[in-house]
Amino acid sequence: MSRVTFDTLLEAGCHFGHLKRKWNPAMAPYIFMERNGIHIIDLHKTVAKVDEAAEALKQIAKSGKKILFVATKKQAKQVVADKAASINMPYVIERWPGGMLTNFPTIRKAVKKMATIDKLTSDGTYSNLSKREILQISRQRAKLDKNLGSIADLTRLPSALFVVDVMKENIAVREANRLGIPVFAIVDTNSNPNNVDFVIPANDDANKSIEVILDACCGAIAEGLEERKAEKVDMEAAGEAPKTRKKGASKARLDKSTEEAINASKAAAFIKEDEA
């Protein structure tokens, strides 16, 4: 059974694309028709693509990896923040810090700076500083928290990126492509889907449209996390200690399982398209 229905997507306005003159020809396979100069997205394909993306996201979450949500446009900010926080995943909703993926160690240093400032507060160092110094440090802490607070728990590169509006977040998409990180994205008719591994063709401007698709995807991630937790409990109940192995080998295996899940989902999608 599909994670989202055709009627739900229709009610949310997911089928509304952009003006015909603004379209990207690469989106032609996902366009159903044109009405009053506006392209209408084929929601049957959206349903299939949501299912495909949700299954891959579930497998990534089940393997214990992080998925980074990116949405800096006004309509998507709050929805993405709420949904990502509910499943304990990192997100960026203010400004994409250039080089966040390609220059990850530098971003980590900025995050660690927040922890250092917090330590100053707790160990009483603040009492020896002047009012001006305290004010400067507090402002710096607030700025860091606003831009990087939501990725404080991201200690290593994410295994996937979920993007709302690939045109606006083109730098994030390019960085992920460069590092081989799979990109999941809500793609509208004016965007280029070629740099996206899992395209979800839908209206990326309407709050309701974004919410419906995120509900389905985050629901799948939550299932993956629950299954992972259940497997751990079963192992403990059976008295099996987790196998100790080299850190590098563990990472390689997890990466392989993520890759297999993504390849399996893509294969299923190709089979569906051939059958159609």
C-alpha atoms as a PDB file:
ATOM      1  CA  MET A   1       0.000   0.000   0.000  1.00  0.00           C
ATOM      2  CA  SER A   2       1.232   3.494  -0.894  1.00  0.00           C
ATOM      3  CA  ARG A   3       2.359   5.861   1.857  1.00  0.00           C
ATOM      4  CA  VAL A   4       0.411   8.721   0.308  1.00  0.00           C
ATOM      5  CA  THR A   5      -2.735   8.712  -1.845  1.00  0.00           C
ATOM      6  CA  PHE A   6      -3.512  10.509  -5.087  1.00  0.00           C
ATOM      7  CA  ASP A   7      -6.432  12.345  -3.417  1.00  0.00           C
ATOM      8  CA  THR A   8      -4.280  13.551  -0.492  1.00  0.00           C
ATOM      9  CA  LEU A   9      -1.720  14.985  -2.906  1.00  0.00           C
ATOM     10  CA  LEU A  10      -4.491  16.595  -4.975  1.00  0.00           C
ATOM     11  CA  GLU A  11      -6.050  18.251  -1.907  1.00  0.00           C
ATOM     12  CA  ALA A  12      -2.640  19.603  -0.867  1.00  0.00           C
ATOM     13  CA  GLY A  13      -2.133  21.191  -4.300  1.00  0.00           C
ATOM     14  CA  CYS A  14       0.943  19.087  -5.106  1.00  0.00           C
ATOM     15  CA  HIS A  15      -0.079  19.018  -8.799  1.00  0.00           C
ATOM     16  CA  PHE A  16       0.426  22.746  -9.442  1.00  0.00           C
ATOM     17  CA  GLY A  17       3.645  23.386 -11.351  1.00  0.00           C
ATOM     18  CA  HIS A  18       5.096  26.677 -12.590  1.00  0.00           C
ATOM     19  CA  LEU A  19       4.162  28.772 -15.626  1.00  0.00           C
ATOM     20  CA  LYS A  20       4.797  27.019 -18.928  1.00  0.00           C
ATOM     21  CA  ARG A  21       7.433  29.587 -19.956  1.00  0.00           C
ATOM     22  CA  LYS A  22       9.450  28.845 -16.780  1.00  0.00           C
ATOM     23  CA  TRP A  23       9.573  25.080 -17.217  1.00  0.00           C
ATOM     24  CA  ASN A  24      12.685  22.904 -17.389  1.00  0.00           C
ATOM     25  CA  PRO A  25      12.403  20.423 -20.325  1.00  0.00           C
ATOM     26  CA  ALA A  26      14.069  17.734 -18.184  1.00  0.00           C
ATOM     27  CA  MET A  27      10.840  17.649 -16.112  1.00  0.00           C
ATOM     28  CA  ALA A  28       8.747  16.628 -19.165  1.00  0.00           C
ATOM     29  CA  PRO A  29       8.294  12.968 -18.023  1.00  0.00           C
ATOM     30  CA  TYR A  30       6.569  14.169 -14.831  1.00  0.00           C
ATOM     31  CA  ILE A  31       4.199  16.692 -16.446  1.00  0.00           C
ATOM     32  CA  PHE A  32       0.646  15.534 -17.095  1.00  0.00           C
ATOM     33  CA  MET A  33      -0.736  18.523 -19.013  1.00  0.00           C
ATOM     34  CA  GLU A  34      -0.855  22.293 -19.291  1.00  0.00           C
ATOM     35  CA  ARG A  35      -3.836  24.337 -18.117  1.00  0.00           C
ATOM     36  CA  ASN A  36      -4.189  28.145 -18.324  1.00  0.00           C
ATOM     37  CA  GLY A  37      -0.473  28.485 -18.996  1.00  0.00           C
ATOM     38  CA  ILE A  38       0.475  26.415 -15.914  1.00  0.00           C
ATOM     39  CA  HIS A  39       1.966  22.932 -15.995  1.00  0.00           C
ATOM     40  CA  ILE A  40       0.113  20.213 -14.075  1.00  0.00           C
ATOM     41  CA  ILE A  41       2.265  17.511 -12.466  1.00  0.00           C
ATOM     42  CA  ASP A  42       1.305  13.835 -12.933  1.00  0.00           C
ATOM     43  CA  LEU A  43       0.387  12.814  -9.377  1.00  0.00           C
ATOM     44  CA  HIS A  44       0.391   9.092 -10.214  1.00  0.00           C
ATOM     45  CA  LYS A  45       4.132   9.414 -10.765  1.00  0.00           C
ATOM     46  CA  THR A  46       4.457  11.487  -7.580  1.00  0.00           C
ATOM     47  CA  VAL A  47       2.813   8.681  -5.547  1.00  0.00           C
ATOM     48  CA  ALA A  48       5.265   6.123  -6.992  1.00  0.00           C
ATOM     49  CA  LYS A  49       8.267   8.393  -6.415  1.00  0.00           C
ATOM     50  CA  VAL A  50       7.255   9.162  -2.800  1.00  0.00           C
ATOM     51  CA  ASP A  51       7.067   5.406  -2.107  1.00  0.00           C
ATOM     52  CA  GLU A  52      10.450   4.812  -3.743  1.00  0.00           C
ATOM     53  CA  ALA A  53      12.129   7.629  -1.789  1.00  0.00           C
ATOM     54  CA  ALA A  54      10.443   6.667   1.501  1.00  0.00           C
ATOM     55  CA  GLU A  55      11.661   3.066   1.240  1.00  0.00           C
ATOM     56  CA  ALA A  56      15.261   4.148   0.600  1.00  0.00           C
ATOM     57  CA  LEU A  57      15.118   6.672   3.477  1.00  0.00           C
ATOM     58  CA  LYS A  58      13.761   3.947   5.776  1.00  0.00           C
ATOM     59  CA  GLN A  59      16.732   1.680   4.977  1.00  0.00           C
ATOM     60  CA  ILE A  60      19.222   4.503   5.576  1.00  0.00           C
ATOM     61  CA  ALA A  61      17.632   5.270   8.971  1.00  0.00           C
ATOM     62  CA  LYS A  62      17.539   1.558   9.823  1.00  0.00           C
ATOM     63  CA  SER A  63      21.299   1.316   9.220  1.00  0.00           C
ATOM     64  CA  GLY A  64      21.795   4.046  11.850  1.00  0.00           C
ATOM     65  CA  LYS A  65      22.839   6.825   9.473  1.00  0.00           C
ATOM     66  CA  LYS A  66      21.818  10.501   9.477  1.00  0.00           C
ATOM     67  CA  ILE A  67      19.743  12.280   6.821  1.00  0.00           C
ATOM     68  CA  LEU A  68      20.241  16.048   6.535  1.00  0.00           C
ATOM     69  CA  PHE A  69      17.125  18.084   5.681  1.00  0.00           C
ATOM     70  CA  VAL A  70      17.684  21.351   3.793  1.00  0.00           C
ATOM     71  CA  ALA A  71      15.043  24.054   3.222  1.00  0.00           C
ATOM     72  CA  THR A  72      15.840  27.744   3.528  1.00  0.00           C
ATOM     73  CA  LYS A  73      12.756  29.088   1.737  1.00  0.00           C
ATOM     74  CA  LYS A  74      10.169  30.796   3.932  1.00  0.00           C
ATOM     75  CA  GLN A  75       7.253  28.403   3.216  1.00  0.00           C
ATOM     76  CA  ALA A  76       9.241  25.285   4.080  1.00  0.00           C
ATOM     77  CA  LYS A  77      11.349  26.411   7.050  1.00  0.00           C
ATOM     78  CA  GLN A  78       9.024  25.648   9.952  1.00  0.00           C
ATOM     79  CA  VAL A  79       7.569  22.461   8.451  1.00  0.00           C
ATOM     80  CA  VAL A  80      11.031  20.996   7.837  1.00  0.00           C
ATOM     81  CA  ALA A  81      12.278  22.035  11.286  1.00  0.00           C
ATOM     82  CA  ASP A  82       9.281  20.380  13.016  1.00  0.00           C
ATOM     83  CA  LYS A  83       9.366  17.171  10.984  1.00  0.00           C
ATOM     84  CA  ALA A  84      13.157  16.695  11.170  1.00  0.00           C
ATOM     85  CA  ALA A  85      13.238  17.434  14.914  1.00  0.00           C
ATOM     86  CA  SER A  86      10.444  14.887  15.513  1.00  0.00           C
ATOM     87  CA  ILE A  87      12.656  12.087  14.138  1.00  0.00           C
ATOM     88  CA  ASN A  88      15.874  13.506  15.627  1.00  0.00           C
ATOM     89  CA  MET A  89      17.499  14.299  12.277  1.00  0.00           C
ATOM     90  CA  PRO A  90      19.720  17.342  11.541  1.00  0.00           C
ATOM     91  CA  TYR A  91      18.382  20.176   9.392  1.00  0.00           C
ATOM     92  CA  VAL A  92      19.407  23.519   7.855  1.00  0.00           C
ATOM     93  CA  ILE A  93      16.680  26.167   7.574  1.00  0.00           C
ATOM     94  CA  GLU A  94      18.523  29.484   7.859  1.00  0.00           C
ATOM     95  CA  ARG A  95      21.369  29.803   5.392  1.00  0.00           C
ATOM     96  CA  TRP A  96      23.350  27.033   3.767  1.00  0.00           C
ATOM     97  CA  PRO A  97      26.923  27.508   5.046  1.00  0.00           C
ATOM     98  CA  GLY A  98      29.067  27.213   1.906  1.00  0.00           C
ATOM     99  CA  GLY A  99      31.324  24.166   2.136  1.00  0.00           C
ATOM    100  CA  MET A 100      29.223  22.559   4.832  1.00  0.00           C
ATOM    101  CA  LEU A 101      29.747  19.139   3.244  1.00  0.00           C
ATOM    102  CA  THR A 102      32.934  19.668   1.217  1.00  0.00           C
ATOM    103  CA  ASN A 103      34.651  21.481   4.103  1.00  0.00           C
ATOM    104  CA  PHE A 104      32.933  19.645   6.958  1.00  0.00           C
ATOM    105  CA  PRO A 105      35.831  19.809   9.512  1.00  0.00           C
ATOM    106  CA  THR A 106      35.666  23.635   9.497  1.00  0.00           C
ATOM    107  CA  ILE A 107      31.917  23.558  10.189  1.00  0.00           C
ATOM    108  CA  ARG A 108      32.553  21.135  13.059  1.00  0.00           C
ATOM    109  CA  LYS A 109      35.033  23.626  14.547  1.00  0.00           C
ATOM    110  CA  ALA A 110      32.309  26.296  14.542  1.00  0.00           C
ATOM    111  CA  VAL A 111      29.931  23.861  16.283  1.00  0.00           C
ATOM    112  CA  LYS A 112      32.597  23.050  18.880  1.00  0.00           C
ATOM    113  CA  LYS A 113      32.989  26.786  19.507  1.00  0.00           C
ATOM    114  CA  MET A 114      29.389  26.789  20.780  1.00  0.00           C
ATOM    115  CA  ALA A 115      30.277  24.060  23.268  1.00  0.00           C
ATOM    116  CA  THR A 116      33.329  26.064  24.396  1.00  0.00           C
ATOM    117  CA  ILE A 117      31.179  29.156  25.009  1.00  0.00           C
ATOM    118  CA  ASP A 118      28.690  27.036  26.990  1.00  0.00           C
ATOM    119  CA  LYS A 119      31.585  25.729  29.081  1.00  0.00           C
ATOM    120  CA  LEU A 120      32.651  29.308  29.887  1.00  0.00           C
ATOM    121  CA  THR A 121      29.143  29.965  31.182  1.00  0.00           C
ATOM    122  CA  SER A 122      29.061  26.903  33.407  1.00  0.00           C
ATOM    123  CA  ASP A 123      32.570  27.084  34.921  1.00  0.00           C
ATOM    124  CA  GLY A 124      32.252  30.682  36.136  1.00  0.00           C
ATOM    125  CA  THR A 125      34.678  32.280  33.656  1.00  0.00           C
ATOM    126  CA  TYR A 126      31.952  34.754  32.699  1.00  0.00           C
ATOM    127  CA  SER A 127      32.204  36.450  36.095  1.00  0.00           C
ATOM    128  CA  ASN A 128      35.785  37.591  35.293  1.00  0.00           C
ATOM    129  CA  LEU A 129      34.821  39.199  31.981  1.00  0.00           C
ATOM    130  CA  SER A 130      33.680  42.753  31.326  1.00  0.00           C
ATOM    131  CA  LYS A 131      30.080  43.483  30.280  1.00  0.00           C
ATOM    132  CA  ARG A 132      31.216  44.279  26.750  1.00  0.00           C
ATOM    133  CA  GLU A 133      33.074  40.962  26.384  1.00  0.00           C
ATOM    134  CA  ILE A 134      30.089  39.036  27.740  1.00  0.00           C
ATOM    135  CA  LEU A 135      27.799  40.812  25.266  1.00  0.00           C
ATOM    136  CA  GLN A 136      30.113  40.017  22.326  1.00  0.00           C
ATOM    137  CA  ILE A 137      30.385  36.337  23.292  1.00  0.00           C
ATOM    138  CA  SER A 138      26.607  36.072  23.814  1.00  0.00           C
ATOM    139  CA  ARG A 139      25.948  37.563  20.366  1.00  0.00           C
ATOM    140  CA  GLN A 140      28.426  35.168  18.786  1.00  0.00           C
ATOM    141  CA  ARG A 141      26.787  32.224  20.562  1.00  0.00           C
ATOM    142  CA  ALA A 142      23.314  33.307  19.397  1.00  0.00           C
ATOM    143  CA  LYS A 143      24.508  33.653  15.785  1.00  0.00           C
ATOM    144  CA  LEU A 144      26.175  30.230  15.816  1.00  0.00           C
ATOM    145  CA  ASP A 145      23.096  28.645  17.381  1.00  0.00           C
ATOM    146  CA  LYS A 146      20.806  30.184  14.760  1.00  0.00           C
ATOM    147  CA  ASN A 147      22.855  28.897  11.826  1.00  0.00           C
ATOM    148  CA  LEU A 148      24.378  25.689  13.192  1.00  0.00           C
ATOM    149  CA  GLY A 149      22.387  24.734  16.306  1.00  0.00           C
ATOM    150  CA  SER A 150      20.244  22.257  14.371  1.00  0.00           C
ATOM    151  CA  ILE A 151      23.323  20.323  13.171  1.00  0.00           C
ATOM    152  CA  ALA A 152      25.134  20.233  16.535  1.00  0.00           C
ATOM    153  CA  ASP A 153      24.661  16.432  16.727  1.00  0.00           C
ATOM    154  CA  LEU A 154      25.958  15.830  13.189  1.00  0.00           C
ATOM    155  CA  THR A 155      29.427  14.508  14.026  1.00  0.00           C
ATOM    156  CA  ARG A 156      30.110  13.053  10.574  1.00  0.00           C
ATOM    157  CA  LEU A 157      28.926  13.618   7.018  1.00  0.00           C
ATOM    158  CA  PRO A 158      25.248  12.697   6.469  1.00  0.00           C
ATOM    159  CA  SER A 159      24.414   9.626   4.391  1.00  0.00           C
ATOM    160  CA  ALA A 160      21.695  11.453   2.452  1.00  0.00           C
ATOM    161  CA  LEU A 161      20.324  14.927   1.782  1.00  0.00           C
ATOM    162  CA  PHE A 162      16.609  15.751   1.642  1.00  0.00           C
ATOM    163  CA  VAL A 163      16.088  19.041  -0.198  1.00  0.00           C
ATOM    164  CA  VAL A 164      13.039  21.244  -0.749  1.00  0.00           C
ATOM    165  CA  ASP A 165      13.517  23.322  -3.945  1.00  0.00           C
ATOM    166  CA  VAL A 166      16.706  22.225  -5.717  1.00  0.00           C
ATOM    167  CA  MET A 167      17.027  25.595  -7.493  1.00  0.00           C
ATOM    168  CA  LYS A 168      17.278  27.547  -4.247  1.00  0.00           C
ATOM    169  CA  GLU A 169      19.494  24.915  -2.604  1.00  0.00           C
ATOM    170  CA  ASN A 170      21.681  24.329  -5.679  1.00  0.00           C
ATOM    171  CA  ILE A 171      24.939  24.759  -3.696  1.00  0.00           C
ATOM    172  CA  ALA A 172      23.901  22.028  -1.231  1.00  0.00           C
ATOM    173  CA  VAL A 173      22.963  19.709  -4.117  1.00  0.00           C
ATOM    174  CA  ARG A 174      26.277  20.355  -5.900  1.00  0.00           C
ATOM    175  CA  GLU A 175      28.270  19.627  -2.735  1.00  0.00           C
ATOM    176  CA  ALA A 176      26.363  16.363  -2.185  1.00  0.00           C
ATOM    177  CA  ASN A 177      26.902  15.349  -5.833  1.00  0.00           C
ATOM    178  CA  ARG A 178      30.606  16.045  -5.519  1.00  0.00           C
ATOM    179  CA  LEU A 179      30.900  13.775  -2.469  1.00  0.00           C
ATOM    180  CA  GLY A 180      28.596  11.065  -3.831  1.00  0.00           C
ATOM    181  CA  ILE A 181      25.930  11.646  -1.154  1.00  0.00           C
ATOM    182  CA  PRO A 182      22.472  10.626  -2.465  1.00  0.00           C
ATOM    183  CA  VAL A 183      20.026  13.520  -2.863  1.00  0.00           C
ATOM    184  CA  PHE A 184      16.292  13.196  -2.211  1.00  0.00           C
ATOM    185  CA  ALA A 185      14.314  16.244  -3.334  1.00  0.00           C
ATOM    186  CA  ILE A 186      10.888  17.749  -3.963  1.00  0.00           C
ATOM    187  CA  VAL A 187      11.340  18.986  -7.538  1.00  0.00           C
ATOM    188  CA  ASP A 188       9.012  21.471  -9.265  1.00  0.00           C
ATOM    189  CA  THR A 189       8.537  21.925 -13.034  1.00  0.00           C
ATOM    190  CA  ASN A 190      11.074  24.786 -13.192  1.00  0.00           C
ATOM    191  CA  SER A 191      13.935  22.724 -11.720  1.00  0.00           C
ATOM    192  CA  ASN A 192      16.531  20.337 -13.116  1.00  0.00           C
ATOM    193  CA  PRO A 193      16.003  16.767 -11.801  1.00  0.00           C
ATOM    194  CA  ASN A 194      19.218  15.387 -13.336  1.00  0.00           C
ATOM    195  CA  ASN A 195      21.366  16.062 -10.250  1.00  0.00           C
ATOM    196  CA  VAL A 196      18.849  14.414  -7.915  1.00  0.00           C
ATOM    197  CA  ASP A 197      18.992  10.681  -7.130  1.00  0.00           C
ATOM    198  CA  PHE A 198      15.404  10.449  -5.853  1.00  0.00           C
ATOM    199  CA  VAL A 199      13.100  12.922  -7.596  1.00  0.00           C
ATOM    200  CA  ILE A 200       9.703  13.639  -5.999  1.00  0.00           C
ATOM    201  CA  PRO A 201       7.853  15.719  -8.622  1.00  0.00           C
ATOM    202  CA  ALA A 202       5.549  18.122  -6.743  1.00  0.00           C
ATOM    203  CA  ASN A 203       4.749  21.731  -5.924  1.00  0.00           C
ATOM    204  CA  ASP A 204       7.676  22.978  -3.791  1.00  0.00           C
ATOM    205  CA  ASP A 205       6.099  26.361  -2.961  1.00  0.00           C
ATOM    206  CA  ALA A 206       2.900  25.405  -1.105  1.00  0.00           C
ATOM    207  CA  ASN A 207       3.251  24.750   2.614  1.00  0.00           C
ATOM    208  CA  LYS A 208       0.613  21.994   2.526  1.00  0.00           C
ATOM    209  CA  SER A 209       2.278  20.220  -0.407  1.00  0.00           C
ATOM    210  CA  ILE A 210       5.652  20.146   1.370  1.00  0.00           C
ATOM    211  CA  GLU A 211       4.008  18.941   4.603  1.00  0.00           C
ATOM    212  CA  VAL A 212       2.179  16.003   2.971  1.00  0.00           C
ATOM    213  CA  ILE A 213       5.341  14.688   1.301  1.00  0.00           C
ATOM    214  CA  LEU A 214       7.482  15.187   4.425  1.00  0.00           C
ATOM    215  CA  ASP A 215       4.860  13.342   6.503  1.00  0.00           C
ATOM    216  CA  ALA A 216       5.215  10.268   4.282  1.00  0.00           C
ATOM    217  CA  CYS A 217       9.036  10.382   4.175  1.00  0.00           C
ATOM    218  CA  CYS A 218       9.513  11.130   7.882  1.00  0.00           C
ATOM    219  CA  GLY A 219       7.008   8.384   8.724  1.00  0.00           C
ATOM    220  CA  ALA A 220       9.198   5.919   6.811  1.00  0.00           C
ATOM    221  CA  ILE A 221      12.342   7.166   8.608  1.00  0.00           C
ATOM    222  CA  ALA A 222      10.582   6.741  11.978  1.00  0.00           C
ATOM    223  CA  GLU A 223       9.707   3.139  11.004  1.00  0.00           C
ATOM    224  CA  GLY A 224      13.345   2.464  10.123  1.00  0.00           C
ATOM    225  CA  LEU A 225      14.495   3.836  13.501  1.00  0.00           C
ATOM    226  CA  GLU A 226      11.896   1.719  15.330  1.00  0.00           C
ATOM    227  CA  GLU A 227      12.969  -1.434  13.477  1.00  0.00           C
ATOM    228  CA  ARG A 228      16.599  -0.706  14.349  1.00  0.00           C
ATOM    229  CA  LYS A 229      15.643  -0.297  18.019  1.00  0.00           C
ATOM    230  CA  ALA A 230      13.587  -3.517  17.969  1.00  0.00           C
ATOM    231  CA  GLU A 231      16.497  -5.469  16.457  1.00  0.00           C
ATOM    232  CA  LYS A 232      18.813  -4.215  19.221  1.00  0.00           C
ATOM    233  CA  VAL A 233      16.295  -5.250  21.899  1.00  0.00           C
ATOM    234  CA  ASP A 234      15.955  -8.731  20.304  1.00  0.00           C
ATOM    235  CA  MET A 235      19.722  -9.143  20.252  1.00  0.00           C
ATOM    236  CA  GLU A 236      19.991  -8.161  23.923  1.00  0.00           C
ATOM    237  CA  ALA A 237      17.125 -10.485  24.845  1.00  0.00           C
ATOM    238  CA  ALA A 238      18.851 -13.351  23.044  1.00  0.00           C
ATOM    239  CA  GLY A 239      21.991 -12.555  25.023  1.00  0.00           C
ATOM    240  CA  GLU A 240      23.980 -11.701  21.927  1.00  0.00           C
ATOM    241  CA  ALA A 241      26.556  -9.002  22.439  1.00  0.00           C
ATOM    242  CA  PRO A 242      27.034  -6.773  19.408  1.00  0.00           C
ATOM    243  CA  LYS A 243      29.963  -8.050  17.369  1.00  0.00           C
ATOM    244  CA  THR A 244      33.081  -5.988  17.799  1.00  0.00           C
ATOM    245  CA  ARG A 245      34.803  -5.113  14.571  1.00  0.00           C
ATOM    246  CA  LYS A 246      37.172  -2.522  13.260  1.00  0.00           C
ATOM    247  CA  LYS A 247      35.665   0.937  12.931  1.00  0.00           C
ATOM    248  CA  GLY A 248      36.607   1.203   9.250  1.00  0.00           C
ATOM    249  CA  ALA A 249      35.047  -2.183   8.425  1.00  0.00           C
ATOM    250  CA  SER A 250      31.809  -1.214  10.200  1.00  0.00           C
ATOM    251  CA  LYS A 251      31.597   2.053   8.255  1.00  0.00           C
ATOM    252  CA  ALA A 252      32.230   0.286   4.945  1.00  0.00           C
ATOM    253  CA  ARG A 253      29.522  -2.273   5.700  1.00  0.00           C
ATOM    254  CA  LEU A 254      26.961   0.369   6.636  1.00  0.00           C
ATOM    255  CA  ASP A 255      27.796   2.349   3.510  1.00  0.00           C
ATOM    256  CA  LYS A 256      27.344  -0.803   1.456  1.00  0.00           C
ATOM    257  CA  SER A 257      23.941  -1.537   3.042  1.00  0.00           C
ATOM    258  CA  THR A 258      22.828   2.027   2.334  1.00  0.00           C
ATOM    259  CA  GLU A 259      23.992   1.710  -1.275  1.00  0.00           C
ATOM    260  CA  GLU A 260      22.217  -1.647  -1.667  1.00  0.00           C
ATOM    261  CA  ALA A 261      18.959  -0.175  -0.313  1.00  0.00           C
ATOM    262  CA  ILE A 262      19.159   2.731  -2.752  1.00  0.00           C
ATOM    263  CA  ASN A 263      19.991   0.477  -5.701  1.00  0.00           C
ATOM    264  CA  ALA A 264      17.116  -1.880  -4.815  1.00  0.00           C
ATOM    265  CA  SER A 265      14.660   1.032  -4.685  1.00  0.00           C
ATOM    266  CA  LYS A 266      15.890   2.364  -8.027  1.00  0.00           C
ATOM    267  CA  ALA A 267      15.615  -1.084  -9.607  1.00  0.00           C
ATOM    268  CA  ALA A 268      12.028  -1.414  -8.336  1.00  0.00           C
ATOM    269  CA  ALA A 269      11.189   1.975  -9.844  1.00  0.00           C
ATOM    270  CA  PHE A 270      12.622   0.978 -13.246  1.00  0.00           C
ATOM    271  CA  ILE A 271      10.594  -2.264 -13.193  1.00  0.00           C
ATOM    272  CA  LYS A 272       7.423  -0.282 -12.379  1.00  0.00           C
ATOM    273  CA  GLU A 273       8.090   2.147 -15.261  1.00  0.00           C
ATOM    274  CA  ASP A 274       8.706  -0.731 -17.677  1.00  0.00           C
ATOM    275  CA  GLU A 275       5.470  -2.414 -16.626  1.00  0.00           C
ATOM    276  CA  ALA A 276       3.556   0.850 -17.019  1.00  0.00           C
END
